[in-house]
Amino acid sequence: MGRLREISIPLPPLSLQAAFAEQANRLDALARALDAAAAKADSMAAALSAEVFG
């Protein structure tokens, strides 16, 4: 366990970490919006199918 404490792990600058986090949040929001749109499209397709084919 003592050797693990001696290992230095380089970290990117805080500004780069923040920029990465912002991009990740934007992508997550976009993925959620796409999931919602796909669910709405599925619902609309099911409703149309039910109306056409009864």
N, C-alpha and C. Protein backbone atom coordinates (compact mmCIF):
# COMPACT_ATOMS: atom_id res chain seq x y z
N MET A 1 0.83 -1.19 0.00
CA MET A 1 0.00 0.00 0.00
C MET A 1 0.87 1.25 0.00
N GLY A 2 2.06 1.17 0.57
CA GLY A 2 2.93 2.33 0.63
C GLY A 2 3.36 2.82 -0.73
N ARG A 3 3.58 1.91 -1.68
CA ARG A 3 4.02 2.32 -3.02
C ARG A 3 2.91 3.05 -3.76
N LEU A 4 1.67 2.68 -3.51
CA LEU A 4 0.56 3.36 -4.18
C LEU A 4 0.53 4.84 -3.82
N ARG A 5 0.88 5.15 -2.62
CA ARG A 5 0.86 6.55 -2.19
C ARG A 5 1.98 7.36 -2.83
N GLU A 6 2.99 6.66 -3.32
CA GLU A 6 4.12 7.33 -3.96
C GLU A 6 3.86 7.64 -5.42
N ILE A 7 2.87 7.00 -6.02
CA ILE A 7 2.60 7.17 -7.44
C ILE A 7 1.90 8.51 -7.67
N SER A 8 2.44 9.25 -8.60
CA SER A 8 1.85 10.55 -8.97
C SER A 8 0.95 10.35 -10.19
N ILE A 9 -0.28 10.77 -10.06
CA ILE A 9 -1.23 10.65 -11.17
C ILE A 9 -1.48 12.06 -11.71
N PRO A 10 -1.04 12.31 -12.95
CA PRO A 10 -1.23 13.66 -13.50
C PRO A 10 -2.71 13.94 -13.79
N LEU A 11 -3.13 15.14 -13.49
CA LEU A 11 -4.51 15.57 -13.75
C LEU A 11 -4.47 16.74 -14.72
N PRO A 12 -5.46 16.81 -15.61
CA PRO A 12 -5.52 17.98 -16.49
C PRO A 12 -5.85 19.23 -15.67
N PRO A 13 -5.57 20.39 -16.23
CA PRO A 13 -5.89 21.64 -15.52
C PRO A 13 -7.39 21.70 -15.21
N LEU A 14 -7.72 22.40 -14.13
CA LEU A 14 -9.11 22.50 -13.69
C LEU A 14 -10.00 23.11 -14.78
N SER A 15 -9.47 24.06 -15.54
CA SER A 15 -10.27 24.67 -16.61
C SER A 15 -10.63 23.64 -17.67
N LEU A 16 -9.71 22.74 -17.99
CA LEU A 16 -9.99 21.69 -18.97
C LEU A 16 -10.99 20.69 -18.41
N GLN A 17 -10.89 20.38 -17.13
CA GLN A 17 -11.85 19.48 -16.49
C GLN A 17 -13.25 20.09 -16.52
N ALA A 18 -13.33 21.38 -16.26
CA ALA A 18 -14.63 22.06 -16.27
C ALA A 18 -15.23 22.08 -17.67
N ALA A 19 -14.39 22.32 -18.69
CA ALA A 19 -14.87 22.33 -20.07
C ALA A 19 -15.37 20.95 -20.46
N PHE A 20 -14.65 19.92 -20.05
CA PHE A 20 -15.07 18.56 -20.34
C PHE A 20 -16.41 18.25 -19.67
N ALA A 21 -16.55 18.64 -18.42
CA ALA A 21 -17.80 18.41 -17.69
C ALA A 21 -18.96 19.13 -18.37
N GLU A 22 -18.73 20.34 -18.83
CA GLU A 22 -19.78 21.10 -19.52
C GLU A 22 -20.22 20.38 -20.80
N GLN A 23 -19.25 19.91 -21.58
CA GLN A 23 -19.58 19.17 -22.80
C GLN A 23 -20.34 17.88 -22.46
N ALA A 24 -19.91 17.19 -21.42
CA ALA A 24 -20.58 15.96 -21.02
C ALA A 24 -22.03 16.25 -20.61
N ASN A 25 -22.24 17.35 -19.91
CA ASN A 25 -23.61 17.73 -19.51
C ASN A 25 -24.46 18.07 -20.72
N ARG A 26 -23.88 18.76 -21.69
CA ARG A 26 -24.62 19.09 -22.92
C ARG A 26 -25.00 17.82 -23.67
N LEU A 27 -24.06 16.89 -23.78
CA LEU A 27 -24.34 15.64 -24.48
C LEU A 27 -25.40 14.82 -23.74
N ASP A 28 -25.35 14.83 -22.43
CA ASP A 28 -26.35 14.12 -21.64
C ASP A 28 -27.74 14.72 -21.86
N ALA A 29 -27.83 16.03 -21.88
CA ALA A 29 -29.12 16.70 -22.12
C ALA A 29 -29.63 16.38 -23.52
N LEU A 30 -28.73 16.37 -24.50
CA LEU A 30 -29.13 16.04 -25.87
C LEU A 30 -29.62 14.60 -25.95
N ALA A 31 -28.94 13.69 -25.29
CA ALA A 31 -29.35 12.29 -25.29
C ALA A 31 -30.73 12.13 -24.66
N ARG A 32 -30.98 12.86 -23.57
CA ARG A 32 -32.31 12.79 -22.94
C ARG A 32 -33.38 13.35 -23.86
N ALA A 33 -33.09 14.43 -24.57
CA ALA A 33 -34.06 15.01 -25.50
C ALA A 33 -34.34 14.05 -26.66
N LEU A 34 -33.30 13.38 -27.14
CA LEU A 34 -33.49 12.42 -28.23
C LEU A 34 -34.31 11.22 -27.75
N ASP A 35 -34.06 10.76 -26.53
CA ASP A 35 -34.86 9.66 -25.98
C ASP A 35 -36.33 10.05 -25.87
N ALA A 36 -36.59 11.27 -25.43
CA ALA A 36 -37.97 11.74 -25.30
C ALA A 36 -38.63 11.84 -26.67
N ALA A 37 -37.89 12.33 -27.67
CA ALA A 37 -38.44 12.45 -29.03
C ALA A 37 -38.72 11.07 -29.61
N ALA A 38 -37.84 10.12 -29.36
CA ALA A 38 -38.05 8.76 -29.86
C ALA A 38 -39.27 8.13 -29.20
N ALA A 39 -39.44 8.34 -27.91
CA ALA A 39 -40.60 7.81 -27.20
C ALA A 39 -41.89 8.42 -27.75
N LYS A 40 -41.86 9.72 -28.03
CA LYS A 40 -43.04 10.39 -28.59
C LYS A 40 -43.35 9.85 -29.98
N ALA A 41 -42.32 9.64 -30.79
CA ALA A 41 -42.52 9.09 -32.14
C ALA A 41 -43.09 7.68 -32.06
N ASP A 42 -42.59 6.87 -31.13
CA ASP A 42 -43.13 5.51 -30.96
C ASP A 42 -44.60 5.56 -30.56
N SER A 43 -44.92 6.47 -29.65
CA SER A 43 -46.30 6.60 -29.21
C SER A 43 -47.21 7.04 -30.35
N MET A 44 -46.73 7.99 -31.13
CA MET A 44 -47.53 8.48 -32.26
C MET A 44 -47.70 7.39 -33.32
N ALA A 45 -46.66 6.61 -33.57
CA ALA A 45 -46.75 5.53 -34.54
C ALA A 45 -47.75 4.46 -34.06
N ALA A 46 -47.72 4.15 -32.78
CA ALA A 46 -48.65 3.16 -32.23
C ALA A 46 -50.09 3.67 -32.34
N ALA A 47 -50.29 4.94 -32.05
CA ALA A 47 -51.64 5.51 -32.13
C ALA A 47 -52.14 5.52 -33.57
N LEU A 48 -51.27 5.87 -34.50
CA LEU A 48 -51.65 5.88 -35.92
C LEU A 48 -51.96 4.48 -36.39
N SER A 49 -51.14 3.54 -35.99
CA SER A 49 -51.38 2.14 -36.38
C SER A 49 -52.71 1.66 -35.83
N ALA A 50 -53.01 1.97 -34.59
CA ALA A 50 -54.27 1.56 -33.99
C ALA A 50 -55.45 2.19 -34.72
N GLU A 51 -55.28 3.45 -35.14
CA GLU A 51 -56.36 4.13 -35.84
C GLU A 51 -56.57 3.56 -37.23
N VAL A 52 -55.50 3.24 -37.92
CA VAL A 52 -55.60 2.73 -39.29
C VAL A 52 -56.03 1.27 -39.32
N PHE A 53 -55.44 0.46 -38.45
CA PHE A 53 -55.69 -0.98 -38.50
C PHE A 53 -56.65 -1.47 -37.43
N GLY A 54 -57.10 -0.53 -36.58
CA GLY A 54 -58.11 -0.77 -35.60
C GLY A 54 -57.83 -1.82 -34.61
